[in-house]
């Protein structure tokens, strides 16, 4: 994996051990010329391929670009599974027909200096970020041992199940142990937390793993201010800020307002009758 052209931390075995607790298989081409991890969920004694939470892209990883024939070979083996959802990585996109369904991801190249990067912010974002937020907020960098407590747990529970929160805790613990994690917390007056952000730092990529904003009490635009500070800190380096999405228009527009460019990855499934049955 570490020698692959299209490395993603999601495909590391230790990462898959956490986010896919029911297990996963690895398809291997020849002498590890390419590998394809396939995470699955077990139900009723059967394996269902399901893209794990906190794992945006999997697919085929290779040291050198593989042939279309070998890509098709991997795909034919994938089709032996019941695939409810599987996401091929951005670099795999060219192997698929141009008219196939794609998902959006926004990334920002940080190689330029901050002035050059911030000049590509949209006008509204530039105007907002001229304000000095420092008197009204405090930003703390540091890992919290567990997210299963207090207000944060309540807000996470709005969009994550308890089992997913357990996985998140295990993942954050391991990322922190491997020195791949940075957590930022934004506080308003009286040290009230309003924004949480977890970033993965992995092989030239800063991945926005998860953010939680308590909008009822958040100081308006403080999240944008936080992201801008991170861009300032890591600009002029061979890094990519990976926003990890989104297909949600409002989130995508926010990412683009900071100069992010849209890239695509491919969602795949072959088990469509199950989805049709669920809708009945």
C-alpha atoms as a PDB file:
ATOM      1  CA  UNK A   1       0.000   0.000   0.000  1.00  0.00           C
ATOM      2  CA  UNK A   2       2.703   2.474   0.955  1.00  0.00           C
ATOM      3  CA  UNK A   3       4.262   2.162  -2.510  1.00  0.00           C
ATOM      4  CA  UNK A   4       0.974   2.549  -4.375  1.00  0.00           C
ATOM      5  CA  UNK A   5       0.302   5.460  -6.711  1.00  0.00           C
ATOM      6  CA  UNK A   6      -3.133   6.034  -5.214  1.00  0.00           C
ATOM      7  CA  UNK A   7      -2.551   5.399  -1.517  1.00  0.00           C
ATOM      8  CA  UNK A   8      -5.433   5.956   0.902  1.00  0.00           C
ATOM      9  CA  UNK A   9      -5.259   5.286   4.621  1.00  0.00           C
ATOM     10  CA  UNK A  10      -8.732   3.685   4.380  1.00  0.00           C
ATOM     11  CA  UNK A  11      -7.178   0.569   2.815  1.00  0.00           C
ATOM     12  CA  UNK A  12      -4.617  -0.046   5.573  1.00  0.00           C
ATOM     13  CA  UNK A  13      -5.317  -3.368   7.303  1.00  0.00           C
ATOM     14  CA  UNK A  14      -5.380  -1.810  10.780  1.00  0.00           C
ATOM     15  CA  UNK A  15      -7.903   0.764   9.526  1.00  0.00           C
ATOM     16  CA  UNK A  16     -10.123  -1.914   7.981  1.00  0.00           C
ATOM     17  CA  UNK A  17      -9.897  -3.985  11.171  1.00  0.00           C
ATOM     18  CA  UNK A  18     -11.632  -1.119  12.974  1.00  0.00           C
ATOM     19  CA  UNK A  19     -14.182   0.152  10.446  1.00  0.00           C
ATOM     20  CA  UNK A  20     -15.202  -3.288   9.131  1.00  0.00           C
ATOM     21  CA  UNK A  21     -15.532  -5.428  12.279  1.00  0.00           C
ATOM     22  CA  UNK A  22     -17.341  -8.269  10.448  1.00  0.00           C
ATOM     23  CA  UNK A  23     -14.284  -8.716   8.226  1.00  0.00           C
ATOM     24  CA  UNK A  24     -12.899  -8.060   4.761  1.00  0.00           C
ATOM     25  CA  UNK A  25     -11.224  -9.906   1.913  1.00  0.00           C
ATOM     26  CA  UNK A  26      -8.214  -8.782  -0.146  1.00  0.00           C
ATOM     27  CA  UNK A  27      -7.952  -9.527  -3.865  1.00  0.00           C
ATOM     28  CA  UNK A  28      -4.331  -9.576  -5.042  1.00  0.00           C
ATOM     29  CA  UNK A  29      -2.953  -9.318  -8.590  1.00  0.00           C
ATOM     30  CA  UNK A  30       0.117 -11.527  -9.181  1.00  0.00           C
ATOM     31  CA  UNK A  31       2.944 -10.567  -6.790  1.00  0.00           C
ATOM     32  CA  UNK A  32       1.037  -7.700  -5.147  1.00  0.00           C
ATOM     33  CA  UNK A  33       1.098  -5.586  -8.312  1.00  0.00           C
ATOM     34  CA  UNK A  34      -2.350  -4.413  -7.256  1.00  0.00           C
ATOM     35  CA  UNK A  35      -4.688  -5.090  -4.340  1.00  0.00           C
ATOM     36  CA  UNK A  36      -8.388  -4.587  -3.736  1.00  0.00           C
ATOM     37  CA  UNK A  37      -9.819  -4.666  -0.199  1.00  0.00           C
ATOM     38  CA  UNK A  38     -13.473  -5.724   0.022  1.00  0.00           C
ATOM     39  CA  UNK A  39     -15.167  -4.929   3.331  1.00  0.00           C
ATOM     40  CA  UNK A  40     -18.332  -6.814   4.157  1.00  0.00           C
ATOM     41  CA  UNK A  41     -21.139  -7.088   6.679  1.00  0.00           C
ATOM     42  CA  UNK A  42     -22.525 -10.454   7.760  1.00  0.00           C
ATOM     43  CA  UNK A  43     -26.266 -10.944   8.061  1.00  0.00           C
ATOM     44  CA  UNK A  44     -28.354 -14.110   8.100  1.00  0.00           C
ATOM     45  CA  UNK A  45     -25.199 -16.117   7.494  1.00  0.00           C
ATOM     46  CA  UNK A  46     -24.409 -14.218   4.264  1.00  0.00           C
ATOM     47  CA  UNK A  47     -21.760 -11.677   3.300  1.00  0.00           C
ATOM     48  CA  UNK A  48     -22.942  -8.316   1.986  1.00  0.00           C
ATOM     49  CA  UNK A  49     -20.349  -5.897   0.659  1.00  0.00           C
ATOM     50  CA  UNK A  50     -20.994  -2.534   2.315  1.00  0.00           C
ATOM     51  CA  UNK A  51     -18.779   0.540   2.222  1.00  0.00           C
ATOM     52  CA  UNK A  52     -17.779   1.114   5.856  1.00  0.00           C
ATOM     53  CA  UNK A  53     -18.498   4.335   7.708  1.00  0.00           C
ATOM     54  CA  UNK A  54     -15.401   6.595   7.956  1.00  0.00           C
ATOM     55  CA  UNK A  55     -14.049   5.002   4.777  1.00  0.00           C
ATOM     56  CA  UNK A  56     -14.856   7.160   1.760  1.00  0.00           C
ATOM     57  CA  UNK A  57     -12.927   5.338  -0.968  1.00  0.00           C
ATOM     58  CA  UNK A  58     -11.577   1.834  -1.460  1.00  0.00           C
ATOM     59  CA  UNK A  59     -11.186   0.208  -4.893  1.00  0.00           C
ATOM     60  CA  UNK A  60      -7.986  -1.004  -6.530  1.00  0.00           C
ATOM     61  CA  UNK A  61      -4.572   0.214  -5.418  1.00  0.00           C
ATOM     62  CA  UNK A  62      -1.507  -0.259  -7.591  1.00  0.00           C
ATOM     63  CA  UNK A  63       2.204   0.536  -7.830  1.00  0.00           C
ATOM     64  CA  UNK A  64       1.801   1.251 -11.542  1.00  0.00           C
ATOM     65  CA  UNK A  65      -1.347   1.818 -13.573  1.00  0.00           C
ATOM     66  CA  UNK A  66      -2.878  -1.517 -14.453  1.00  0.00           C
ATOM     67  CA  UNK A  67      -4.415  -2.539 -17.767  1.00  0.00           C
ATOM     68  CA  UNK A  68      -8.137  -2.287 -18.463  1.00  0.00           C
ATOM     69  CA  UNK A  69      -8.165  -6.083 -18.713  1.00  0.00           C
ATOM     70  CA  UNK A  70      -6.781  -6.482 -15.195  1.00  0.00           C
ATOM     71  CA  UNK A  71      -9.205  -3.889 -13.877  1.00  0.00           C
ATOM     72  CA  UNK A  72     -12.067  -5.853 -15.427  1.00  0.00           C
ATOM     73  CA  UNK A  73     -10.696  -8.988 -13.788  1.00  0.00           C
ATOM     74  CA  UNK A  74     -10.944  -7.362 -10.362  1.00  0.00           C
ATOM     75  CA  UNK A  75     -14.468  -6.192 -11.175  1.00  0.00           C
ATOM     76  CA  UNK A  76     -15.535  -9.687 -12.211  1.00  0.00           C
ATOM     77  CA  UNK A  77     -14.324 -11.058  -8.869  1.00  0.00           C
ATOM     78  CA  UNK A  78     -16.168  -8.275  -7.012  1.00  0.00           C
ATOM     79  CA  UNK A  79     -19.355  -9.349  -8.790  1.00  0.00           C
ATOM     80  CA  UNK A  80     -19.152 -12.735  -7.094  1.00  0.00           C
ATOM     81  CA  UNK A  81     -20.220 -10.904  -3.929  1.00  0.00           C
ATOM     82  CA  UNK A  82     -23.567  -9.377  -2.986  1.00  0.00           C
ATOM     83  CA  UNK A  83     -22.504  -5.745  -3.374  1.00  0.00           C
ATOM     84  CA  UNK A  84     -24.855  -3.290  -1.708  1.00  0.00           C
ATOM     85  CA  UNK A  85     -22.320  -0.431  -1.794  1.00  0.00           C
ATOM     86  CA  UNK A  86     -18.677  -0.177  -2.755  1.00  0.00           C
ATOM     87  CA  UNK A  87     -16.692   2.960  -3.632  1.00  0.00           C
ATOM     88  CA  UNK A  88     -13.782   2.904  -6.053  1.00  0.00           C
ATOM     89  CA  UNK A  89     -11.134   5.567  -5.450  1.00  0.00           C
ATOM     90  CA  UNK A  90     -10.648   8.726  -7.491  1.00  0.00           C
ATOM     91  CA  UNK A  91      -7.747   7.292  -9.502  1.00  0.00           C
ATOM     92  CA  UNK A  92      -9.909   4.320 -10.568  1.00  0.00           C
ATOM     93  CA  UNK A  93     -12.486   6.616 -12.191  1.00  0.00           C
ATOM     94  CA  UNK A  94     -10.856   6.583 -15.628  1.00  0.00           C
ATOM     95  CA  UNK A  95     -11.439   2.814 -15.889  1.00  0.00           C
ATOM     96  CA  UNK A  96     -15.209   3.336 -15.881  1.00  0.00           C
ATOM     97  CA  UNK A  97     -17.423   4.694 -18.697  1.00  0.00           C
ATOM     98  CA  UNK A  98     -17.588   8.492 -18.681  1.00  0.00           C
ATOM     99  CA  UNK A  99     -21.373   8.455 -18.241  1.00  0.00           C
ATOM    100  CA  UNK A 100     -21.414   6.240 -15.128  1.00  0.00           C
ATOM    101  CA  UNK A 101     -22.727   7.551 -11.802  1.00  0.00           C
ATOM    102  CA  UNK A 102     -20.097   9.478  -9.836  1.00  0.00           C
ATOM    103  CA  UNK A 103     -19.836  10.994  -6.395  1.00  0.00           C
ATOM    104  CA  UNK A 104     -18.180  14.320  -5.679  1.00  0.00           C
ATOM    105  CA  UNK A 105     -15.266  15.031  -3.399  1.00  0.00           C
ATOM    106  CA  UNK A 106     -13.538  18.382  -2.989  1.00  0.00           C
ATOM    107  CA  UNK A 107      -9.807  18.748  -2.454  1.00  0.00           C
ATOM    108  CA  UNK A 108      -7.514  21.752  -2.046  1.00  0.00           C
ATOM    109  CA  UNK A 109      -3.864  21.702  -3.077  1.00  0.00           C
ATOM    110  CA  UNK A 110      -1.780  23.425  -0.375  1.00  0.00           C
ATOM    111  CA  UNK A 111       1.521  23.643  -2.293  1.00  0.00           C
ATOM    112  CA  UNK A 112       1.143  27.376  -2.960  1.00  0.00           C
ATOM    113  CA  UNK A 113       1.642  30.074  -0.345  1.00  0.00           C
ATOM    114  CA  UNK A 114      -1.327  31.170   1.733  1.00  0.00           C
ATOM    115  CA  UNK A 115      -1.817  34.467  -0.126  1.00  0.00           C
ATOM    116  CA  UNK A 116      -2.132  32.635  -3.448  1.00  0.00           C
ATOM    117  CA  UNK A 117      -4.523  30.063  -1.991  1.00  0.00           C
ATOM    118  CA  UNK A 118      -6.718  32.622  -0.204  1.00  0.00           C
ATOM    119  CA  UNK A 119      -6.947  34.748  -3.365  1.00  0.00           C
ATOM    120  CA  UNK A 120      -8.995  31.864  -4.786  1.00  0.00           C
ATOM    121  CA  UNK A 121     -11.584  32.077  -1.993  1.00  0.00           C
ATOM    122  CA  UNK A 122     -14.885  33.455  -3.212  1.00  0.00           C
ATOM    123  CA  UNK A 123     -15.755  37.092  -2.440  1.00  0.00           C
ATOM    124  CA  UNK A 124     -18.137  36.312   0.390  1.00  0.00           C
ATOM    125  CA  UNK A 125     -15.645  34.055   2.151  1.00  0.00           C
ATOM    126  CA  UNK A 126     -12.929  36.691   1.851  1.00  0.00           C
ATOM    127  CA  UNK A 127     -15.279  39.260   3.386  1.00  0.00           C
ATOM    128  CA  UNK A 128     -16.266  36.970   6.261  1.00  0.00           C
ATOM    129  CA  UNK A 129     -12.672  36.048   7.082  1.00  0.00           C
ATOM    130  CA  UNK A 130     -11.614  39.690   7.352  1.00  0.00           C
ATOM    131  CA  UNK A 131     -13.354  39.704  10.740  1.00  0.00           C
ATOM    132  CA  UNK A 132     -11.280  39.028  13.850  1.00  0.00           C
ATOM    133  CA  UNK A 133     -12.864  36.042  15.592  1.00  0.00           C
ATOM    134  CA  UNK A 134     -10.221  35.725  18.313  1.00  0.00           C
ATOM    135  CA  UNK A 135     -12.009  37.868  20.970  1.00  0.00           C
ATOM    136  CA  UNK A 136     -15.154  35.715  20.799  1.00  0.00           C
ATOM    137  CA  UNK A 137     -13.761  32.189  20.370  1.00  0.00           C
ATOM    138  CA  UNK A 138     -10.937  29.987  21.600  1.00  0.00           C
ATOM    139  CA  UNK A 139      -9.425  27.163  19.514  1.00  0.00           C
ATOM    140  CA  UNK A 140      -7.829  24.198  21.233  1.00  0.00           C
ATOM    141  CA  UNK A 141      -5.778  21.480  19.544  1.00  0.00           C
ATOM    142  CA  UNK A 142      -5.800  18.185  21.399  1.00  0.00           C
ATOM    143  CA  UNK A 143      -7.330  14.739  21.353  1.00  0.00           C
ATOM    144  CA  UNK A 144     -10.284  13.962  23.629  1.00  0.00           C
ATOM    145  CA  UNK A 145     -10.065  10.391  24.935  1.00  0.00           C
ATOM    146  CA  UNK A 146     -13.715   9.526  24.227  1.00  0.00           C
ATOM    147  CA  UNK A 147     -16.606  11.085  22.339  1.00  0.00           C
ATOM    148  CA  UNK A 148     -19.164   9.098  24.358  1.00  0.00           C
ATOM    149  CA  UNK A 149     -20.014  11.815  26.786  1.00  0.00           C
ATOM    150  CA  UNK A 150     -22.044  14.986  27.188  1.00  0.00           C
ATOM    151  CA  UNK A 151     -23.211  17.301  24.431  1.00  0.00           C
ATOM    152  CA  UNK A 152     -20.866  15.862  21.811  1.00  0.00           C
ATOM    153  CA  UNK A 153     -22.332  12.374  22.153  1.00  0.00           C
ATOM    154  CA  UNK A 154     -25.862  13.795  21.891  1.00  0.00           C
ATOM    155  CA  UNK A 155     -25.048  15.545  18.618  1.00  0.00           C
ATOM    156  CA  UNK A 156     -23.180  12.567  17.170  1.00  0.00           C
ATOM    157  CA  UNK A 157     -26.170  10.400  17.968  1.00  0.00           C
ATOM    158  CA  UNK A 158     -28.240  12.550  15.589  1.00  0.00           C
ATOM    159  CA  UNK A 159     -26.487  10.988  12.585  1.00  0.00           C
ATOM    160  CA  UNK A 160     -24.507   7.998  13.885  1.00  0.00           C
ATOM    161  CA  UNK A 161     -25.715   4.801  15.533  1.00  0.00           C
ATOM    162  CA  UNK A 162     -24.212   3.668  18.834  1.00  0.00           C
ATOM    163  CA  UNK A 163     -22.176   0.991  17.035  1.00  0.00           C
ATOM    164  CA  UNK A 164     -20.814   3.633  14.639  1.00  0.00           C
ATOM    165  CA  UNK A 165     -19.869   5.852  17.579  1.00  0.00           C
ATOM    166  CA  UNK A 166     -18.038   2.882  19.118  1.00  0.00           C
ATOM    167  CA  UNK A 167     -16.148   2.430  15.840  1.00  0.00           C
ATOM    168  CA  UNK A 168     -15.370   6.162  15.754  1.00  0.00           C
ATOM    169  CA  UNK A 169     -13.928   6.011  19.281  1.00  0.00           C
ATOM    170  CA  UNK A 170     -11.742   3.023  18.387  1.00  0.00           C
ATOM    171  CA  UNK A 171     -10.602   4.683  15.164  1.00  0.00           C
ATOM    172  CA  UNK A 172      -9.701   7.981  16.837  1.00  0.00           C
ATOM    173  CA  UNK A 173      -7.805   6.119  19.553  1.00  0.00           C
ATOM    174  CA  UNK A 174      -5.754   4.188  16.982  1.00  0.00           C
ATOM    175  CA  UNK A 175      -5.145   7.225  14.772  1.00  0.00           C
ATOM    176  CA  UNK A 176      -3.918   9.151  17.793  1.00  0.00           C
ATOM    177  CA  UNK A 177      -1.680   6.227  18.805  1.00  0.00           C
ATOM    178  CA  UNK A 178      -0.146   6.280  15.314  1.00  0.00           C
ATOM    179  CA  UNK A 179       0.329  10.092  15.405  1.00  0.00           C
ATOM    180  CA  UNK A 180      -2.004  10.513  12.433  1.00  0.00           C
ATOM    181  CA  UNK A 181      -4.721  12.482  14.216  1.00  0.00           C
ATOM    182  CA  UNK A 182      -5.295  16.126  15.037  1.00  0.00           C
ATOM    183  CA  UNK A 183      -8.423  17.249  16.827  1.00  0.00           C
ATOM    184  CA  UNK A 184      -9.555  20.863  17.027  1.00  0.00           C
ATOM    185  CA  UNK A 185     -12.250  22.180  19.360  1.00  0.00           C
ATOM    186  CA  UNK A 186     -13.752  25.667  19.097  1.00  0.00           C
ATOM    187  CA  UNK A 187     -15.096  27.251  22.284  1.00  0.00           C
ATOM    188  CA  UNK A 188     -17.183  30.340  22.793  1.00  0.00           C
ATOM    189  CA  UNK A 189     -17.308  32.353  26.030  1.00  0.00           C
ATOM    190  CA  UNK A 190     -17.357  30.428  29.315  1.00  0.00           C
ATOM    191  CA  UNK A 191     -15.417  27.672  27.542  1.00  0.00           C
ATOM    192  CA  UNK A 192     -18.521  26.231  25.888  1.00  0.00           C
ATOM    193  CA  UNK A 193     -17.554  23.865  23.014  1.00  0.00           C
ATOM    194  CA  UNK A 194     -19.344  24.615  19.737  1.00  0.00           C
ATOM    195  CA  UNK A 195     -17.290  22.956  16.967  1.00  0.00           C
ATOM    196  CA  UNK A 196     -15.278  19.723  16.860  1.00  0.00           C
ATOM    197  CA  UNK A 197     -13.009  18.729  13.965  1.00  0.00           C
ATOM    198  CA  UNK A 198     -10.969  15.540  13.478  1.00  0.00           C
ATOM    199  CA  UNK A 199      -8.284  15.459  10.784  1.00  0.00           C
ATOM    200  CA  UNK A 200      -6.218  12.500   9.554  1.00  0.00           C
ATOM    201  CA  UNK A 201      -2.663  13.335   8.430  1.00  0.00           C
ATOM    202  CA  UNK A 202      -1.540  10.565   6.096  1.00  0.00           C
ATOM    203  CA  UNK A 203       1.063  10.510   3.302  1.00  0.00           C
ATOM    204  CA  UNK A 204       0.644  14.064   2.012  1.00  0.00           C
ATOM    205  CA  UNK A 205      -3.105  14.212   2.581  1.00  0.00           C
ATOM    206  CA  UNK A 206      -5.039  15.961   5.349  1.00  0.00           C
ATOM    207  CA  UNK A 207      -8.419  14.231   5.494  1.00  0.00           C
ATOM    208  CA  UNK A 208     -11.410  15.939   7.081  1.00  0.00           C
ATOM    209  CA  UNK A 209     -12.619  12.772   8.770  1.00  0.00           C
ATOM    210  CA  UNK A 210     -15.474  14.327  10.723  1.00  0.00           C
ATOM    211  CA  UNK A 211     -16.714  17.658  11.987  1.00  0.00           C
ATOM    212  CA  UNK A 212     -19.502  18.385  14.438  1.00  0.00           C
ATOM    213  CA  UNK A 213     -21.019  21.858  14.689  1.00  0.00           C
ATOM    214  CA  UNK A 214     -23.487  22.743  17.427  1.00  0.00           C
ATOM    215  CA  UNK A 215     -25.221  25.350  15.323  1.00  0.00           C
ATOM    216  CA  UNK A 216     -27.596  26.570  18.031  1.00  0.00           C
ATOM    217  CA  UNK A 217     -24.677  28.094  19.968  1.00  0.00           C
ATOM    218  CA  UNK A 218     -21.889  28.248  17.351  1.00  0.00           C
ATOM    219  CA  UNK A 219     -20.425  31.689  16.652  1.00  0.00           C
ATOM    220  CA  UNK A 220     -21.397  32.324  13.043  1.00  0.00           C
ATOM    221  CA  UNK A 221     -18.594  31.535  10.546  1.00  0.00           C
ATOM    222  CA  UNK A 222     -16.270  30.207  13.278  1.00  0.00           C
ATOM    223  CA  UNK A 223     -15.981  26.881  11.429  1.00  0.00           C
ATOM    224  CA  UNK A 224     -14.851  28.696   8.274  1.00  0.00           C
ATOM    225  CA  UNK A 225     -12.355  30.623  10.408  1.00  0.00           C
ATOM    226  CA  UNK A 226     -10.991  27.336  11.812  1.00  0.00           C
ATOM    227  CA  UNK A 227     -10.545  25.769   8.363  1.00  0.00           C
ATOM    228  CA  UNK A 228      -8.865  28.952   7.122  1.00  0.00           C
ATOM    229  CA  UNK A 229      -6.399  28.839  10.036  1.00  0.00           C
ATOM    230  CA  UNK A 230      -5.549  25.219   9.182  1.00  0.00           C
ATOM    231  CA  UNK A 231      -5.026  26.170   5.529  1.00  0.00           C
ATOM    232  CA  UNK A 232      -2.717  28.989   6.662  1.00  0.00           C
ATOM    233  CA  UNK A 233      -0.752  26.637   8.908  1.00  0.00           C
ATOM    234  CA  UNK A 234      -0.173  23.945   6.271  1.00  0.00           C
ATOM    235  CA  UNK A 235       0.086  26.069   3.131  1.00  0.00           C
ATOM    236  CA  UNK A 236       3.293  26.093   1.077  1.00  0.00           C
ATOM    237  CA  UNK A 237       3.745  22.365   1.686  1.00  0.00           C
ATOM    238  CA  UNK A 238       3.274  19.303  -0.513  1.00  0.00           C
ATOM    239  CA  UNK A 239      -0.083  18.545   1.015  1.00  0.00           C
ATOM    240  CA  UNK A 240      -3.681  18.105  -0.107  1.00  0.00           C
ATOM    241  CA  UNK A 241      -6.582  19.114   2.100  1.00  0.00           C
ATOM    242  CA  UNK A 242      -9.247  16.488   1.459  1.00  0.00           C
ATOM    243  CA  UNK A 243     -12.690  17.780   2.473  1.00  0.00           C
ATOM    244  CA  UNK A 244     -14.179  14.256   2.090  1.00  0.00           C
ATOM    245  CA  UNK A 245     -17.221  15.413   0.165  1.00  0.00           C
ATOM    246  CA  UNK A 246     -19.796  16.331  -0.556  1.00  0.00           C
ATOM    247  CA  UNK A 247     -22.850  15.589  -2.704  1.00  0.00           C
ATOM    248  CA  UNK A 248     -24.836  17.855  -0.362  1.00  0.00           C
ATOM    249  CA  UNK A 249     -24.963  21.158  -2.198  1.00  0.00           C
ATOM    250  CA  UNK A 250     -24.534  23.424   0.827  1.00  0.00           C
ATOM    251  CA  UNK A 251     -21.462  21.542   2.054  1.00  0.00           C
ATOM    252  CA  UNK A 252     -19.981  21.347  -1.457  1.00  0.00           C
ATOM    253  CA  UNK A 253     -20.487  25.096  -1.906  1.00  0.00           C
ATOM    254  CA  UNK A 254     -18.706  25.771   1.397  1.00  0.00           C
ATOM    255  CA  UNK A 255     -15.736  23.659   0.284  1.00  0.00           C
ATOM    256  CA  UNK A 256     -15.630  25.368  -3.103  1.00  0.00           C
ATOM    257  CA  UNK A 257     -15.813  28.799  -1.449  1.00  0.00           C
ATOM    258  CA  UNK A 258     -12.338  28.041  -0.058  1.00  0.00           C
ATOM    259  CA  UNK A 259     -10.989  27.247  -3.517  1.00  0.00           C
ATOM    260  CA  UNK A 260     -11.461  23.477  -3.416  1.00  0.00           C
ATOM    261  CA  UNK A 261     -11.703  21.606  -6.727  1.00  0.00           C
ATOM    262  CA  UNK A 262     -14.192  18.816  -7.337  1.00  0.00           C
ATOM    263  CA  UNK A 263     -12.905  15.311  -7.988  1.00  0.00           C
ATOM    264  CA  UNK A 264     -14.950  12.167  -8.537  1.00  0.00           C
ATOM    265  CA  UNK A 265     -15.048   8.619  -7.243  1.00  0.00           C
ATOM    266  CA  UNK A 266     -17.294   5.757  -8.317  1.00  0.00           C
ATOM    267  CA  UNK A 267     -20.052   4.102  -6.246  1.00  0.00           C
ATOM    268  CA  UNK A 268     -20.838   0.556  -7.332  1.00  0.00           C
ATOM    269  CA  UNK A 269     -23.452  -2.092  -6.493  1.00  0.00           C
ATOM    270  CA  UNK A 270     -24.883  -5.228  -8.027  1.00  0.00           C
ATOM    271  CA  UNK A 271     -27.508  -6.075  -5.426  1.00  0.00           C
ATOM    272  CA  UNK A 272     -30.254  -3.726  -6.523  1.00  0.00           C
ATOM    273  CA  UNK A 273     -33.203  -6.016  -5.783  1.00  0.00           C
ATOM    274  CA  UNK A 274     -32.460  -5.761  -2.065  1.00  0.00           C
ATOM    275  CA  UNK A 275     -32.752  -1.961  -2.207  1.00  0.00           C
ATOM    276  CA  UNK A 276     -36.011  -2.243  -4.140  1.00  0.00           C
ATOM    277  CA  UNK A 277     -37.367  -4.631  -1.479  1.00  0.00           C
ATOM    278  CA  UNK A 278     -36.480  -2.178   1.305  1.00  0.00           C
ATOM    279  CA  UNK A 279     -38.540   0.582  -0.367  1.00  0.00           C
ATOM    280  CA  UNK A 280     -41.749  -1.463  -0.291  1.00  0.00           C
END
